[in-house]
Amino acid sequence: MSGRIAIGADAFFGHRCMVLTGTHDVGHLGSRRQTSIPLEGRDVVIGDGVWIASGVIIIGPSTIGEHAVVSAGSVVRGDVEPFSIVAGNPAAPVGRVRPKEG
């Protein structure tokens, strides 16, 4: 493990999602590359109320802001702003969450 995963209140996931914090030092070659794993720096933080749809891959380091939506099949490689809707590979903004009253 090269980082920690934090998941906020009321966040939820669809099917077959991956949250990845691991990496290897690509500067090493052969069997040394397989065992050269940083112990920190690849954290993933998923904010309160985030919806991660089915088939999403999140690669740390990444922070997904509160109440954001990550569309199905997207690949997140970095930060997602709160209340944003992202889609694609790499995930990019496609809309905003507009909270409803009541």
N, C-alpha and C. Protein backbone atom coordinates (compact mmCIF):
# COMPACT_ATOMS: atom_id res chain seq x y z
N MET A 1 0.85 -1.18 0.00
CA MET A 1 0.00 0.00 0.00
C MET A 1 0.89 1.24 0.00
N SER A 2 0.59 2.15 -0.89
CA SER A 2 1.36 3.39 -1.02
C SER A 2 0.57 4.60 -0.55
N GLY A 3 -0.56 4.39 0.07
CA GLY A 3 -1.38 5.49 0.55
C GLY A 3 -2.58 4.97 1.30
N ARG A 4 -3.34 5.90 1.83
CA ARG A 4 -4.55 5.57 2.60
C ARG A 4 -5.78 5.95 1.79
N ILE A 5 -6.91 5.33 2.15
CA ILE A 5 -8.19 5.62 1.53
C ILE A 5 -9.13 6.12 2.61
N ALA A 6 -9.74 7.28 2.40
CA ALA A 6 -10.72 7.84 3.33
C ALA A 6 -12.03 8.06 2.57
N ILE A 7 -13.13 7.57 3.13
CA ILE A 7 -14.43 7.68 2.48
C ILE A 7 -15.38 8.41 3.42
N GLY A 8 -15.96 9.51 2.93
CA GLY A 8 -16.84 10.35 3.73
C GLY A 8 -18.22 9.75 3.93
N ALA A 9 -18.97 10.39 4.80
CA ALA A 9 -20.34 9.97 5.12
C ALA A 9 -21.22 10.02 3.88
N ASP A 10 -22.08 9.04 3.74
CA ASP A 10 -23.08 8.97 2.67
C ASP A 10 -22.50 8.86 1.27
N ALA A 11 -21.20 8.59 1.14
CA ALA A 11 -20.63 8.31 -0.18
C ALA A 11 -21.07 6.90 -0.58
N PHE A 12 -21.27 6.67 -1.89
CA PHE A 12 -21.68 5.33 -2.31
C PHE A 12 -21.09 4.99 -3.67
N PHE A 13 -21.01 3.68 -3.93
CA PHE A 13 -20.32 3.14 -5.10
C PHE A 13 -21.25 2.24 -5.90
N GLY A 14 -21.09 2.25 -7.21
CA GLY A 14 -21.72 1.27 -8.08
C GLY A 14 -20.90 -0.02 -8.07
N HIS A 15 -21.17 -0.89 -9.03
CA HIS A 15 -20.50 -2.18 -9.12
C HIS A 15 -19.10 -2.04 -9.74
N ARG A 16 -18.21 -2.95 -9.35
CA ARG A 16 -16.88 -3.12 -9.97
C ARG A 16 -16.03 -1.85 -10.00
N CYS A 17 -16.00 -1.11 -8.91
CA CYS A 17 -15.15 0.07 -8.81
C CYS A 17 -13.80 -0.33 -8.22
N MET A 18 -12.76 0.43 -8.60
CA MET A 18 -11.43 0.21 -8.04
C MET A 18 -10.89 1.52 -7.49
N VAL A 19 -10.35 1.47 -6.28
CA VAL A 19 -9.68 2.61 -5.66
C VAL A 19 -8.25 2.15 -5.41
N LEU A 20 -7.31 2.72 -6.16
CA LEU A 20 -5.93 2.21 -6.19
C LEU A 20 -4.96 3.22 -5.58
N THR A 21 -4.21 2.77 -4.58
CA THR A 21 -3.19 3.62 -3.99
C THR A 21 -1.79 3.10 -4.29
N GLY A 22 -1.69 1.90 -4.81
CA GLY A 22 -0.38 1.28 -5.01
C GLY A 22 0.34 1.77 -6.24
N THR A 23 1.64 1.71 -6.19
CA THR A 23 2.49 2.02 -7.33
C THR A 23 3.84 1.34 -7.11
N HIS A 24 4.64 1.33 -8.13
CA HIS A 24 6.01 0.81 -8.06
C HIS A 24 6.94 1.87 -8.61
N ASP A 25 8.17 1.86 -8.18
CA ASP A 25 9.17 2.82 -8.65
C ASP A 25 9.66 2.37 -10.02
N VAL A 26 9.22 3.06 -11.08
CA VAL A 26 9.57 2.65 -12.44
C VAL A 26 11.04 2.90 -12.76
N GLY A 27 11.75 3.60 -11.88
CA GLY A 27 13.19 3.81 -12.07
C GLY A 27 14.00 2.55 -11.83
N HIS A 28 13.44 1.59 -11.12
CA HIS A 28 14.12 0.32 -10.87
C HIS A 28 13.77 -0.66 -11.98
N LEU A 29 14.66 -1.60 -12.19
CA LEU A 29 14.46 -2.60 -13.24
C LEU A 29 14.38 -4.00 -12.66
N GLY A 30 13.83 -4.93 -13.43
CA GLY A 30 13.77 -6.33 -13.03
C GLY A 30 12.99 -6.55 -11.75
N SER A 31 13.46 -7.51 -10.96
CA SER A 31 12.75 -7.86 -9.73
C SER A 31 12.75 -6.72 -8.72
N ARG A 32 13.71 -5.83 -8.80
CA ARG A 32 13.75 -4.68 -7.87
C ARG A 32 12.52 -3.79 -8.07
N ARG A 33 12.05 -3.65 -9.30
CA ARG A 33 10.85 -2.85 -9.56
C ARG A 33 9.64 -3.44 -8.84
N GLN A 34 9.55 -4.77 -8.78
CA GLN A 34 8.41 -5.43 -8.15
C GLN A 34 8.34 -5.17 -6.65
N THR A 35 9.48 -4.97 -6.02
CA THR A 35 9.51 -4.82 -4.57
C THR A 35 9.74 -3.38 -4.12
N SER A 36 9.91 -2.48 -5.05
CA SER A 36 10.18 -1.08 -4.73
C SER A 36 8.86 -0.31 -4.68
N ILE A 37 8.23 -0.31 -3.50
CA ILE A 37 6.90 0.27 -3.33
C ILE A 37 6.97 1.41 -2.31
N PRO A 38 6.63 2.64 -2.74
CA PRO A 38 6.58 3.74 -1.77
C PRO A 38 5.52 3.46 -0.70
N LEU A 39 5.75 3.92 0.51
CA LEU A 39 4.83 3.65 1.60
C LEU A 39 3.80 4.76 1.81
N GLU A 40 3.94 5.87 1.10
CA GLU A 40 2.99 6.97 1.29
C GLU A 40 2.97 7.85 0.05
N GLY A 41 2.04 8.82 0.06
CA GLY A 41 1.97 9.80 -1.01
C GLY A 41 0.92 9.53 -2.07
N ARG A 42 0.18 8.44 -1.97
CA ARG A 42 -0.81 8.08 -2.99
C ARG A 42 -2.22 8.02 -2.41
N ASP A 43 -2.51 8.87 -1.42
CA ASP A 43 -3.80 8.85 -0.73
C ASP A 43 -4.97 9.13 -1.67
N VAL A 44 -6.13 8.53 -1.35
CA VAL A 44 -7.38 8.81 -2.03
C VAL A 44 -8.37 9.26 -0.96
N VAL A 45 -8.95 10.44 -1.17
CA VAL A 45 -9.95 10.98 -0.25
C VAL A 45 -11.24 11.17 -1.03
N ILE A 46 -12.30 10.53 -0.57
CA ILE A 46 -13.61 10.60 -1.20
C ILE A 46 -14.53 11.32 -0.22
N GLY A 47 -15.03 12.48 -0.63
CA GLY A 47 -15.79 13.35 0.27
C GLY A 47 -17.19 12.85 0.58
N ASP A 48 -17.83 13.56 1.49
CA ASP A 48 -19.21 13.25 1.89
C ASP A 48 -20.14 13.30 0.68
N GLY A 49 -21.05 12.34 0.59
CA GLY A 49 -22.09 12.34 -0.41
C GLY A 49 -21.65 12.09 -1.84
N VAL A 50 -20.43 11.65 -2.05
CA VAL A 50 -19.93 11.39 -3.40
C VAL A 50 -20.59 10.14 -3.97
N TRP A 51 -20.93 10.18 -5.26
CA TRP A 51 -21.45 9.01 -5.98
C TRP A 51 -20.39 8.58 -6.97
N ILE A 52 -19.88 7.37 -6.77
CA ILE A 52 -18.94 6.74 -7.69
C ILE A 52 -19.75 5.69 -8.45
N ALA A 53 -20.03 5.93 -9.73
CA ALA A 53 -20.86 5.02 -10.52
C ALA A 53 -20.08 3.76 -10.88
N SER A 54 -20.74 2.80 -11.48
CA SER A 54 -20.15 1.48 -11.78
C SER A 54 -18.94 1.58 -12.70
N GLY A 55 -17.96 0.73 -12.43
CA GLY A 55 -16.80 0.59 -13.29
C GLY A 55 -15.78 1.70 -13.21
N VAL A 56 -15.86 2.54 -12.20
CA VAL A 56 -14.92 3.66 -12.06
C VAL A 56 -13.60 3.16 -11.50
N ILE A 57 -12.51 3.74 -11.99
CA ILE A 57 -11.17 3.51 -11.45
C ILE A 57 -10.66 4.83 -10.91
N ILE A 58 -10.24 4.83 -9.66
CA ILE A 58 -9.67 6.03 -9.03
C ILE A 58 -8.23 5.70 -8.69
N ILE A 59 -7.30 6.52 -9.21
CA ILE A 59 -5.88 6.29 -9.00
C ILE A 59 -5.34 7.42 -8.13
N GLY A 60 -4.75 7.06 -6.97
CA GLY A 60 -4.20 8.05 -6.07
C GLY A 60 -2.87 8.59 -6.57
N PRO A 61 -2.52 9.80 -6.17
CA PRO A 61 -3.25 10.63 -5.22
C PRO A 61 -4.43 11.33 -5.88
N SER A 62 -5.57 11.29 -5.23
CA SER A 62 -6.79 11.93 -5.72
C SER A 62 -7.66 12.34 -4.55
N THR A 63 -8.34 13.47 -4.72
CA THR A 63 -9.36 13.90 -3.78
C THR A 63 -10.62 14.18 -4.58
N ILE A 64 -11.71 13.55 -4.20
CA ILE A 64 -13.00 13.78 -4.85
C ILE A 64 -13.84 14.58 -3.87
N GLY A 65 -14.15 15.80 -4.25
CA GLY A 65 -14.84 16.74 -3.36
C GLY A 65 -16.27 16.32 -3.06
N GLU A 66 -16.79 16.88 -1.99
CA GLU A 66 -18.12 16.50 -1.50
C GLU A 66 -19.19 16.64 -2.56
N HIS A 67 -20.08 15.66 -2.58
CA HIS A 67 -21.27 15.61 -3.43
C HIS A 67 -20.97 15.57 -4.93
N ALA A 68 -19.73 15.28 -5.30
CA ALA A 68 -19.38 15.12 -6.71
C ALA A 68 -19.95 13.80 -7.22
N VAL A 69 -20.06 13.69 -8.55
CA VAL A 69 -20.51 12.48 -9.21
C VAL A 69 -19.45 12.08 -10.23
N VAL A 70 -19.01 10.81 -10.16
CA VAL A 70 -18.07 10.29 -11.14
C VAL A 70 -18.84 9.30 -12.00
N SER A 71 -18.97 9.61 -13.28
CA SER A 71 -19.80 8.82 -14.20
C SER A 71 -19.21 7.44 -14.47
N ALA A 72 -20.08 6.51 -14.83
CA ALA A 72 -19.70 5.11 -15.05
C ALA A 72 -18.53 4.99 -16.02
N GLY A 73 -17.59 4.11 -15.67
CA GLY A 73 -16.46 3.81 -16.53
C GLY A 73 -15.36 4.84 -16.55
N SER A 74 -15.47 5.88 -15.74
CA SER A 74 -14.47 6.94 -15.74
C SER A 74 -13.19 6.51 -15.03
N VAL A 75 -12.10 7.19 -15.38
CA VAL A 75 -10.81 6.98 -14.71
C VAL A 75 -10.39 8.32 -14.11
N VAL A 76 -10.32 8.37 -12.78
CA VAL A 76 -9.94 9.58 -12.06
C VAL A 76 -8.46 9.50 -11.75
N ARG A 77 -7.71 10.52 -12.23
CA ARG A 77 -6.27 10.61 -11.98
C ARG A 77 -5.96 12.01 -11.46
N GLY A 78 -6.46 12.34 -10.31
CA GLY A 78 -6.25 13.67 -9.74
C GLY A 78 -7.48 14.11 -8.97
N ASP A 79 -7.61 15.40 -8.80
CA ASP A 79 -8.67 15.93 -7.96
C ASP A 79 -9.94 16.23 -8.75
N VAL A 80 -11.07 16.07 -8.07
CA VAL A 80 -12.39 16.39 -8.61
C VAL A 80 -13.00 17.43 -7.68
N GLU A 81 -13.45 18.54 -8.25
CA GLU A 81 -14.01 19.63 -7.46
C GLU A 81 -15.33 19.22 -6.80
N PRO A 82 -15.63 19.75 -5.61
CA PRO A 82 -16.92 19.49 -4.99
C PRO A 82 -18.07 19.87 -5.92
N PHE A 83 -19.17 19.12 -5.87
CA PHE A 83 -20.39 19.37 -6.63
C PHE A 83 -20.20 19.29 -8.15
N SER A 84 -19.10 18.70 -8.61
CA SER A 84 -18.92 18.57 -10.06
C SER A 84 -19.31 17.17 -10.52
N ILE A 85 -19.64 17.07 -11.80
CA ILE A 85 -19.91 15.80 -12.45
C ILE A 85 -18.79 15.59 -13.46
N VAL A 86 -18.09 14.46 -13.36
CA VAL A 86 -16.98 14.18 -14.26
C VAL A 86 -17.24 12.88 -15.00
N ALA A 87 -16.64 12.77 -16.20
CA ALA A 87 -16.80 11.57 -17.01
C ALA A 87 -15.58 11.42 -17.91
N GLY A 88 -15.31 10.17 -18.30
CA GLY A 88 -14.29 9.92 -19.30
C GLY A 88 -12.98 9.37 -18.75
N ASN A 89 -12.04 9.21 -19.67
CA ASN A 89 -10.70 8.70 -19.35
C ASN A 89 -9.67 9.55 -20.07
N PRO A 90 -9.04 10.47 -19.33
CA PRO A 90 -9.20 10.75 -17.90
C PRO A 90 -10.50 11.52 -17.64
N ALA A 91 -10.99 11.39 -16.42
CA ALA A 91 -12.24 12.06 -16.04
C ALA A 91 -12.07 13.58 -16.17
N ALA A 92 -13.06 14.21 -16.78
CA ALA A 92 -13.07 15.66 -16.96
C ALA A 92 -14.46 16.18 -16.65
N PRO A 93 -14.56 17.44 -16.24
CA PRO A 93 -15.87 18.00 -15.89
C PRO A 93 -16.83 18.01 -17.08
N VAL A 94 -18.07 17.58 -16.79
CA VAL A 94 -19.14 17.61 -17.81
C VAL A 94 -20.39 18.31 -17.28
N GLY A 95 -20.41 18.67 -16.00
CA GLY A 95 -21.58 19.32 -15.42
C GLY A 95 -21.38 19.62 -13.95
N ARG A 96 -22.43 20.15 -13.35
CA ARG A 96 -22.42 20.51 -11.93
C ARG A 96 -23.63 19.90 -11.25
N VAL A 97 -23.47 19.49 -10.01
CA VAL A 97 -24.59 19.04 -9.18
C VAL A 97 -25.31 20.27 -8.68
N ARG A 98 -26.61 20.32 -8.90
CA ARG A 98 -27.43 21.43 -8.46
C ARG A 98 -28.38 20.92 -7.38
N PRO A 99 -28.06 21.15 -6.11
CA PRO A 99 -28.89 20.63 -5.02
C PRO A 99 -30.34 21.10 -5.13
N LYS A 100 -31.26 20.18 -4.85
CA LYS A 100 -32.70 20.50 -4.87
C LYS A 100 -33.16 20.82 -3.46
N GLU A 101 -34.06 21.74 -3.36
CA GLU A 101 -34.65 22.10 -2.08
C GLU A 101 -35.69 21.05 -1.70
N GLY A 102 -35.75 20.72 -0.41
CA GLY A 102 -36.78 19.83 0.09
C GLY A 102 -36.41 18.44 -0.06
